[in-house]
Amino acid sequence: MQEFEPLTRIAWGGGPKASLKSKAYHAWIITPTPNGTHLWTEETMQGPLWIELARQAPDIFWRTHQTLLEDLAKVAAARGKSPAR
């Protein structure tokens, strides 16, 4: 993890072993709201592996992040209905 500000920001970066020239940096900005929490996620990617993946499936990164956020929302909603762990 490269950045950690409790309850406000988490970020990390790195790259896959399969392509040492490919790097990514991902940040989560967490903002409390009156009705819960707003989660903003941003990612930047550079290198040949990401370019090739985008050529093969242009929406792969959007779909992956969308699924991750939907799954996170399900977990948060389920925990909101049960005692905290």
PDB file of N, CA and C in Angstrom:
ATOM      1  N   MET A   1       0.851  -1.155   0.000  1.00  0.00           N
ATOM      2  CA  MET A   1       0.000   0.000   0.000  1.00  0.00           C
ATOM      3  C   MET A   1       0.907   1.230   0.000  1.00  0.00           C
ATOM      4  N   GLN A   2       0.585   2.203  -0.831  1.00  0.00           N
ATOM      5  CA  GLN A   2       1.413   3.397  -0.913  1.00  0.00           C
ATOM      6  C   GLN A   2       0.800   4.597  -0.201  1.00  0.00           C
ATOM      7  N   GLU A   3      -0.505   4.585  -0.054  1.00  0.00           N
ATOM      8  CA  GLU A   3      -1.174   5.670   0.665  1.00  0.00           C
ATOM      9  C   GLU A   3      -2.234   5.055   1.572  1.00  0.00           C
ATOM     10  N   PHE A   4      -2.330   5.581   2.769  1.00  0.00           N
ATOM     11  CA  PHE A   4      -3.387   5.143   3.668  1.00  0.00           C
ATOM     12  C   PHE A   4      -3.711   6.281   4.619  1.00  0.00           C
ATOM     13  N   GLU A   5      -4.884   6.834   4.462  1.00  0.00           N
ATOM     14  CA  GLU A   5      -5.422   7.836   5.372  1.00  0.00           C
ATOM     15  C   GLU A   5      -6.735   7.254   5.874  1.00  0.00           C
ATOM     16  N   PRO A   6      -6.764   6.775   7.117  1.00  0.00           N
ATOM     17  CA  PRO A   6      -7.953   6.081   7.620  1.00  0.00           C
ATOM     18  C   PRO A   6      -9.254   6.828   7.319  1.00  0.00           C
ATOM     19  N   LEU A   7     -10.202   6.073   6.796  1.00  0.00           N
ATOM     20  CA  LEU A   7     -11.552   6.551   6.489  1.00  0.00           C
ATOM     21  C   LEU A   7     -11.614   7.600   5.391  1.00  0.00           C
ATOM     22  N   THR A   8     -10.489   7.887   4.694  1.00  0.00           N
ATOM     23  CA  THR A   8     -10.543   8.872   3.614  1.00  0.00           C
ATOM     24  C   THR A   8      -9.874   8.429   2.322  1.00  0.00           C
ATOM     25  N   ARG A   9      -8.771   7.672   2.396  1.00  0.00           N
ATOM     26  CA  ARG A   9      -8.047   7.345   1.163  1.00  0.00           C
ATOM     27  C   ARG A   9      -7.176   6.103   1.345  1.00  0.00           C
ATOM     28  N   ILE A  10      -7.222   5.261   0.305  1.00  0.00           N
ATOM     29  CA  ILE A  10      -6.343   4.097   0.207  1.00  0.00           C
ATOM     30  C   ILE A  10      -5.847   4.069  -1.235  1.00  0.00           C
ATOM     31  N   ALA A  11      -4.553   3.839  -1.416  1.00  0.00           N
ATOM     32  CA  ALA A  11      -4.024   3.756  -2.780  1.00  0.00           C
ATOM     33  C   ALA A  11      -2.811   2.833  -2.811  1.00  0.00           C
ATOM     34  N   TRP A  12      -2.632   2.202  -3.944  1.00  0.00           N
ATOM     35  CA  TRP A  12      -1.484   1.322  -4.123  1.00  0.00           C
ATOM     36  C   TRP A  12      -1.110   1.296  -5.594  1.00  0.00           C
ATOM     37  N   GLY A  13       0.073   0.835  -5.859  1.00  0.00           N
ATOM     38  CA  GLY A  13       0.533   0.733  -7.226  1.00  0.00           C
ATOM     39  C   GLY A  13       1.448  -0.457  -7.385  1.00  0.00           C
ATOM     40  N   GLY A  14       1.712  -0.788  -8.618  1.00  0.00           N
ATOM     41  CA  GLY A  14       2.595  -1.903  -8.905  1.00  0.00           C
ATOM     42  C   GLY A  14       2.364  -2.396 -10.312  1.00  0.00           C
ATOM     43  N   GLY A  15       2.794  -3.584 -10.553  1.00  0.00           N
ATOM     44  CA  GLY A  15       2.625  -4.152 -11.876  1.00  0.00           C
ATOM     45  C   GLY A  15       2.717  -5.657 -11.842  1.00  0.00           C
ATOM     46  N   PRO A  16       2.269  -6.293 -12.900  1.00  0.00           N
ATOM     47  CA  PRO A  16       2.284  -7.749 -12.950  1.00  0.00           C
ATOM     48  C   PRO A  16       3.674  -8.295 -13.268  1.00  0.00           C
ATOM     49  N   LYS A  17       3.967  -9.440 -12.733  1.00  0.00           N
ATOM     50  CA  LYS A  17       5.248 -10.095 -13.024  1.00  0.00           C
ATOM     51  C   LYS A  17       5.351 -10.468 -14.499  1.00  0.00           C
ATOM     52  N   ALA A  18       4.209 -10.669 -15.148  1.00  0.00           N
ATOM     53  CA  ALA A  18       4.191 -11.066 -16.554  1.00  0.00           C
ATOM     54  C   ALA A  18       4.638  -9.948 -17.493  1.00  0.00           C
ATOM     55  N   SER A  19       4.645  -8.706 -17.020  1.00  0.00           N
ATOM     56  CA  SER A  19       5.032  -7.572 -17.855  1.00  0.00           C
ATOM     57  C   SER A  19       5.655  -6.497 -16.970  1.00  0.00           C
ATOM     58  N   LEU A  20       6.957  -6.575 -16.788  1.00  0.00           N
ATOM     59  CA  LEU A  20       7.641  -5.638 -15.894  1.00  0.00           C
ATOM     60  C   LEU A  20       7.556  -4.195 -16.374  1.00  0.00           C
ATOM     61  N   LYS A  21       7.239  -3.988 -17.656  1.00  0.00           N
ATOM     62  CA  LYS A  21       7.108  -2.626 -18.189  1.00  0.00           C
ATOM     63  C   LYS A  21       5.700  -2.063 -17.986  1.00  0.00           C
ATOM     64  N   SER A  22       4.805  -2.863 -17.444  1.00  0.00           N
ATOM     65  CA  SER A  22       3.427  -2.427 -17.222  1.00  0.00           C
ATOM     66  C   SER A  22       3.234  -2.082 -15.748  1.00  0.00           C
ATOM     67  N   LYS A  23       2.689  -0.900 -15.498  1.00  0.00           N
ATOM     68  CA  LYS A  23       2.470  -0.418 -14.132  1.00  0.00           C
ATOM     69  C   LYS A  23       1.042   0.099 -14.001  1.00  0.00           C
ATOM     70  N   ALA A  24       0.545   0.049 -12.775  1.00  0.00           N
ATOM     71  CA  ALA A  24      -0.800   0.574 -12.492  1.00  0.00           C
ATOM     72  C   ALA A  24      -0.777   1.247 -11.125  1.00  0.00           C
ATOM     73  N   TYR A  25      -1.657   2.217 -10.956  1.00  0.00           N
ATOM     74  CA  TYR A  25      -1.823   2.895  -9.669  1.00  0.00           C
ATOM     75  C   TYR A  25      -3.315   3.045  -9.440  1.00  0.00           C
ATOM     76  N   HIS A  26      -3.786   2.611  -8.286  1.00  0.00           N
ATOM     77  CA  HIS A  26      -5.223   2.600  -7.996  1.00  0.00           C
ATOM     78  C   HIS A  26      -5.481   3.313  -6.678  1.00  0.00           C
ATOM     79  N   ALA A  27      -6.439   4.226  -6.700  1.00  0.00           N
ATOM     80  CA  ALA A  27      -6.787   4.979  -5.486  1.00  0.00           C
ATOM     81  C   ALA A  27      -8.281   4.876  -5.206  1.00  0.00           C
ATOM     82  N   TRP A  28      -8.601   4.819  -3.919  1.00  0.00           N
ATOM     83  CA  TRP A  28      -9.979   4.821  -3.436  1.00  0.00           C
ATOM     84  C   TRP A  28     -10.126   6.043  -2.541  1.00  0.00           C
ATOM     85  N   ILE A  29     -11.036   6.940  -2.888  1.00  0.00           N
ATOM     86  CA  ILE A  29     -11.315   8.122  -2.078  1.00  0.00           C
ATOM     87  C   ILE A  29     -12.649   7.867  -1.383  1.00  0.00           C
ATOM     88  N   ILE A  30     -12.659   7.929  -0.066  1.00  0.00           N
ATOM     89  CA  ILE A  30     -13.823   7.560   0.752  1.00  0.00           C
ATOM     90  C   ILE A  30     -14.372   8.829   1.401  1.00  0.00           C
ATOM     91  N   THR A  31     -15.645   9.118   1.154  1.00  0.00           N
ATOM     92  CA  THR A  31     -16.267  10.320   1.689  1.00  0.00           C
ATOM     93  C   THR A  31     -17.564   9.953   2.406  1.00  0.00           C
ATOM     94  N   PRO A  32     -17.628  10.180   3.718  1.00  0.00           N
ATOM     95  CA  PRO A  32     -18.890   9.945   4.424  1.00  0.00           C
ATOM     96  C   PRO A  32     -19.984  10.886   3.904  1.00  0.00           C
ATOM     97  N   THR A  33     -21.204  10.379   3.840  1.00  0.00           N
ATOM     98  CA  THR A  33     -22.355  11.183   3.434  1.00  0.00           C
ATOM     99  C   THR A  33     -23.456  10.991   4.472  1.00  0.00           C
ATOM    100  N   PRO A  34     -24.482  11.809   4.447  1.00  0.00           N
ATOM    101  CA  PRO A  34     -25.574  11.635   5.410  1.00  0.00           C
ATOM    102  C   PRO A  34     -26.250  10.262   5.312  1.00  0.00           C
ATOM    103  N   ASN A  35     -26.200   9.646   4.118  1.00  0.00           N
ATOM    104  CA  ASN A  35     -26.868   8.361   3.912  1.00  0.00           C
ATOM    105  C   ASN A  35     -25.913   7.171   3.841  1.00  0.00           C
ATOM    106  N   GLY A  36     -24.649   7.384   4.150  1.00  0.00           N
ATOM    107  CA  GLY A  36     -23.690   6.275   4.070  1.00  0.00           C
ATOM    108  C   GLY A  36     -22.314   6.772   3.682  1.00  0.00           C
ATOM    109  N   THR A  37     -21.798   6.235   2.607  1.00  0.00           N
ATOM    110  CA  THR A  37     -20.453   6.570   2.161  1.00  0.00           C
ATOM    111  C   THR A  37     -20.407   6.631   0.647  1.00  0.00           C
ATOM    112  N   HIS A  38     -19.697   7.629   0.132  1.00  0.00           N
ATOM    113  CA  HIS A  38     -19.450   7.729  -1.304  1.00  0.00           C
ATOM    114  C   HIS A  38     -18.040   7.218  -1.547  1.00  0.00           C
ATOM    115  N   LEU A  39     -17.894   6.305  -2.493  1.00  0.00           N
ATOM    116  CA  LEU A  39     -16.596   5.729  -2.806  1.00  0.00           C
ATOM    117  C   LEU A  39     -16.247   6.082  -4.243  1.00  0.00           C
ATOM    118  N   TRP A  40     -15.135   6.770  -4.411  1.00  0.00           N
ATOM    119  CA  TRP A  40     -14.653   7.160  -5.731  1.00  0.00           C
ATOM    120  C   TRP A  40     -13.390   6.361  -5.973  1.00  0.00           C
ATOM    121  N   THR A  41     -13.300   5.702  -7.110  1.00  0.00           N
ATOM    122  CA  THR A  41     -12.109   4.926  -7.420  1.00  0.00           C
ATOM    123  C   THR A  41     -11.522   5.406  -8.743  1.00  0.00           C
ATOM    124  N   GLU A  42     -10.226   5.559  -8.760  1.00  0.00           N
ATOM    125  CA  GLU A  42      -9.523   5.966  -9.978  1.00  0.00           C
ATOM    126  C   GLU A  42      -8.320   5.077 -10.177  1.00  0.00           C
ATOM    127  N   GLU A  43      -7.999   4.830 -11.439  1.00  0.00           N
ATOM    128  CA  GLU A  43      -6.843   4.002 -11.742  1.00  0.00           C
ATOM    129  C   GLU A  43      -6.160   4.530 -12.991  1.00  0.00           C
ATOM    130  N   THR A  44      -4.852   4.476 -12.966  1.00  0.00           N
ATOM    131  CA  THR A  44      -4.080   4.811 -14.154  1.00  0.00           C
ATOM    132  C   THR A  44      -3.179   3.624 -14.473  1.00  0.00           C
ATOM    133  N   MET A  45      -3.034   3.354 -15.758  1.00  0.00           N
ATOM    134  CA  MET A  45      -2.246   2.194 -16.173  1.00  0.00           C
ATOM    135  C   MET A  45      -1.357   2.596 -17.345  1.00  0.00           C
ATOM    136  N   GLN A  46      -0.149   2.043 -17.346  1.00  0.00           N
ATOM    137  CA  GLN A  46       0.781   2.284 -18.442  1.00  0.00           C
ATOM    138  C   GLN A  46       1.478   0.975 -18.773  1.00  0.00           C
ATOM    139  N   GLY A  47       1.751   0.757 -20.036  1.00  0.00           N
ATOM    140  CA  GLY A  47       2.535  -0.401 -20.425  1.00  0.00           C
ATOM    141  C   GLY A  47       1.838  -1.323 -21.397  1.00  0.00           C
ATOM    142  N   PRO A  48       2.622  -2.208 -21.987  1.00  0.00           N
ATOM    143  CA  PRO A  48       2.118  -3.063 -23.061  1.00  0.00           C
ATOM    144  C   PRO A  48       1.034  -4.064 -22.647  1.00  0.00           C
ATOM    145  N   LEU A  49       1.098  -4.584 -21.447  1.00  0.00           N
ATOM    146  CA  LEU A  49       0.082  -5.554 -21.031  1.00  0.00           C
ATOM    147  C   LEU A  49      -1.304  -4.926 -21.016  1.00  0.00           C
ATOM    148  N   TRP A  50      -1.428  -3.733 -20.449  1.00  0.00           N
ATOM    149  CA  TRP A  50      -2.732  -3.068 -20.353  1.00  0.00           C
ATOM    150  C   TRP A  50      -3.253  -2.697 -21.739  1.00  0.00           C
ATOM    151  N   ILE A  51      -2.345  -2.282 -22.618  1.00  0.00           N
ATOM    152  CA  ILE A  51      -2.755  -1.930 -23.984  1.00  0.00           C
ATOM    153  C   ILE A  51      -3.306  -3.162 -24.691  1.00  0.00           C
ATOM    154  N   GLU A  52      -2.626  -4.281 -24.543  1.00  0.00           N
ATOM    155  CA  GLU A  52      -3.082  -5.518 -25.192  1.00  0.00           C
ATOM    156  C   GLU A  52      -4.423  -5.982 -24.622  1.00  0.00           C
ATOM    157  N   LEU A  53      -4.578  -5.913 -23.312  1.00  0.00           N
ATOM    158  CA  LEU A  53      -5.867  -6.292 -22.708  1.00  0.00           C
ATOM    159  C   LEU A  53      -6.988  -5.393 -23.209  1.00  0.00           C
ATOM    160  N   ALA A  54      -6.722  -4.102 -23.330  1.00  0.00           N
ATOM    161  CA  ALA A  54      -7.742  -3.163 -23.815  1.00  0.00           C
ATOM    162  C   ALA A  54      -8.088  -3.427 -25.278  1.00  0.00           C
ATOM    163  N   ARG A  55      -7.119  -3.839 -26.065  1.00  0.00           N
ATOM    164  CA  ARG A  55      -7.399  -4.188 -27.472  1.00  0.00           C
ATOM    165  C   ARG A  55      -8.322  -5.408 -27.561  1.00  0.00           C
ATOM    166  N   GLN A  56      -8.048  -6.392 -26.705  1.00  0.00           N
ATOM    167  CA  GLN A  56      -8.837  -7.629 -26.732  1.00  0.00           C
ATOM    168  C   GLN A  56     -10.256  -7.418 -26.226  1.00  0.00           C
ATOM    169  N   ALA A  57     -10.411  -6.596 -25.201  1.00  0.00           N
ATOM    170  CA  ALA A  57     -11.731  -6.347 -24.600  1.00  0.00           C
ATOM    171  C   ALA A  57     -11.768  -4.892 -24.129  1.00  0.00           C
ATOM    172  N   PRO A  58     -12.185  -3.977 -24.994  1.00  0.00           N
ATOM    173  CA  PRO A  58     -12.118  -2.543 -24.682  1.00  0.00           C
ATOM    174  C   PRO A  58     -12.797  -2.127 -23.375  1.00  0.00           C
ATOM    175  N   ASP A  59     -13.801  -2.864 -22.932  1.00  0.00           N
ATOM    176  CA  ASP A  59     -14.491  -2.463 -21.700  1.00  0.00           C
ATOM    177  C   ASP A  59     -14.090  -3.300 -20.488  1.00  0.00           C
ATOM    178  N   ILE A  60     -13.012  -4.074 -20.588  1.00  0.00           N
ATOM    179  CA  ILE A  60     -12.630  -4.996 -19.518  1.00  0.00           C
ATOM    180  C   ILE A  60     -12.365  -4.280 -18.202  1.00  0.00           C
ATOM    181  N   PHE A  61     -11.699  -3.154 -18.241  1.00  0.00           N
ATOM    182  CA  PHE A  61     -11.362  -2.469 -16.997  1.00  0.00           C
ATOM    183  C   PHE A  61     -12.610  -1.851 -16.368  1.00  0.00           C
ATOM    184  N   TRP A  62     -13.461  -1.255 -17.177  1.00  0.00           N
ATOM    185  CA  TRP A  62     -14.705  -0.681 -16.657  1.00  0.00           C
ATOM    186  C   TRP A  62     -15.571  -1.778 -16.037  1.00  0.00           C
ATOM    187  N   ARG A  63     -15.732  -2.902 -16.748  1.00  0.00           N
ATOM    188  CA  ARG A  63     -16.568  -3.991 -16.235  1.00  0.00           C
ATOM    189  C   ARG A  63     -16.006  -4.563 -14.940  1.00  0.00           C
ATOM    190  N   THR A  64     -14.703  -4.728 -14.862  1.00  0.00           N
ATOM    191  CA  THR A  64     -14.080  -5.270 -13.655  1.00  0.00           C
ATOM    192  C   THR A  64     -14.308  -4.352 -12.465  1.00  0.00           C
ATOM    193  N   HIS A  65     -14.112  -3.052 -12.658  1.00  0.00           N
ATOM    194  CA  HIS A  65     -14.317  -2.107 -11.558  1.00  0.00           C
ATOM    195  C   HIS A  65     -15.784  -2.017 -11.171  1.00  0.00           C
ATOM    196  N   GLN A  66     -16.665  -2.053 -12.149  1.00  0.00           N
ATOM    197  CA  GLN A  66     -18.099  -1.994 -11.865  1.00  0.00           C
ATOM    198  C   GLN A  66     -18.524  -3.197 -11.012  1.00  0.00           C
ATOM    199  N   THR A  67     -18.064  -4.378 -11.383  1.00  0.00           N
ATOM    200  CA  THR A  67     -18.386  -5.583 -10.616  1.00  0.00           C
ATOM    201  C   THR A  67     -17.826  -5.490  -9.204  1.00  0.00           C
ATOM    202  N   LEU A  68     -16.607  -5.022  -9.066  1.00  0.00           N
ATOM    203  CA  LEU A  68     -15.998  -4.864  -7.749  1.00  0.00           C
ATOM    204  C   LEU A  68     -16.812  -3.911  -6.875  1.00  0.00           C
ATOM    205  N   LEU A  69     -17.220  -2.780  -7.424  1.00  0.00           N
ATOM    206  CA  LEU A  69     -18.006  -1.815  -6.645  1.00  0.00           C
ATOM    207  C   LEU A  69     -19.385  -2.370  -6.288  1.00  0.00           C
ATOM    208  N   GLU A  70     -20.018  -3.094  -7.213  1.00  0.00           N
ATOM    209  CA  GLU A  70     -21.319  -3.697  -6.918  1.00  0.00           C
ATOM    210  C   GLU A  70     -21.199  -4.739  -5.804  1.00  0.00           C
ATOM    211  N   ASP A  71     -20.138  -5.545  -5.860  1.00  0.00           N
ATOM    212  CA  ASP A  71     -19.925  -6.547  -4.816  1.00  0.00           C
ATOM    213  C   ASP A  71     -19.645  -5.890  -3.466  1.00  0.00           C
ATOM    214  N   LEU A  72     -18.869  -4.828  -3.471  1.00  0.00           N
ATOM    215  CA  LEU A  72     -18.587  -4.092  -2.238  1.00  0.00           C
ATOM    216  C   LEU A  72     -19.869  -3.507  -1.649  1.00  0.00           C
ATOM    217  N   ALA A  73     -20.743  -2.974  -2.502  1.00  0.00           N
ATOM    218  CA  ALA A  73     -22.015  -2.427  -2.034  1.00  0.00           C
ATOM    219  C   ALA A  73     -22.885  -3.516  -1.405  1.00  0.00           C
ATOM    220  N   LYS A  74     -22.882  -4.712  -1.979  1.00  0.00           N
ATOM    221  CA  LYS A  74     -23.650  -5.828  -1.419  1.00  0.00           C
ATOM    222  C   LYS A  74     -23.140  -6.202  -0.029  1.00  0.00           C
ATOM    223  N   VAL A  75     -21.826  -6.265   0.124  1.00  0.00           N
ATOM    224  CA  VAL A  75     -21.247  -6.600   1.423  1.00  0.00           C
ATOM    225  C   VAL A  75     -21.592  -5.518   2.442  1.00  0.00           C
ATOM    226  N   ALA A  76     -21.464  -4.256   2.041  1.00  0.00           N
ATOM    227  CA  ALA A  76     -21.765  -3.159   2.951  1.00  0.00           C
ATOM    228  C   ALA A  76     -23.235  -3.191   3.369  1.00  0.00           C
ATOM    229  N   ALA A  77     -24.125  -3.440   2.423  1.00  0.00           N
ATOM    230  CA  ALA A  77     -25.548  -3.500   2.731  1.00  0.00           C
ATOM    231  C   ALA A  77     -25.853  -4.666   3.671  1.00  0.00           C
ATOM    232  N   ALA A  78     -25.241  -5.810   3.439  1.00  0.00           N
ATOM    233  CA  ALA A  78     -25.463  -6.978   4.290  1.00  0.00           C
ATOM    234  C   ALA A  78     -24.945  -6.715   5.701  1.00  0.00           C
ATOM    235  N   ARG A  79     -23.820  -6.065   5.827  1.00  0.00           N
ATOM    236  CA  ARG A  79     -23.275  -5.760   7.160  1.00  0.00           C
ATOM    237  C   ARG A  79     -24.100  -4.706   7.863  1.00  0.00           C
ATOM    238  N   GLY A  80     -24.739  -3.841   7.088  1.00  0.00           N
ATOM    239  CA  GLY A  80     -25.592  -2.826   7.697  1.00  0.00           C
ATOM    240  C   GLY A  80     -26.844  -3.418   8.332  1.00  0.00           C
ATOM    241  N   LYS A  81     -27.201  -4.627   7.921  1.00  0.00           N
ATOM    242  CA  LYS A  81     -28.386  -5.297   8.449  1.00  0.00           C
ATOM    243  C   LYS A  81     -28.062  -6.237   9.589  1.00  0.00           C
ATOM    244  N   SER A  82     -26.762  -6.438   9.869  1.00  0.00           N
ATOM    245  CA  SER A  82     -26.365  -7.360  10.933  1.00  0.00           C
ATOM    246  C   SER A  82     -25.383  -6.650  11.869  1.00  0.00           C
ATOM    247  N   PRO A  83     -25.168  -7.180  13.050  1.00  0.00           N
ATOM    248  CA  PRO A  83     -24.211  -6.551  13.982  1.00  0.00           C
ATOM    249  C   PRO A  83     -22.830  -6.455  13.373  1.00  0.00           C
ATOM    250  N   ALA A  84     -22.114  -5.393  13.699  1.00  0.00           N
ATOM    251  CA  ALA A  84     -20.744  -5.198  13.183  1.00  0.00           C
ATOM    252  C   ALA A  84     -19.851  -6.325  13.637  1.00  0.00           C
ATOM    253  N   ARG A  85     -18.892  -6.641  12.789  1.00  0.00           N
ATOM    254  CA  ARG A  85     -17.952  -7.741  13.103  1.00  0.00           C
ATOM    255  C   ARG A  85     -16.621  -7.181  13.497  1.00  0.00           C
TER     256      ARG A  85
END
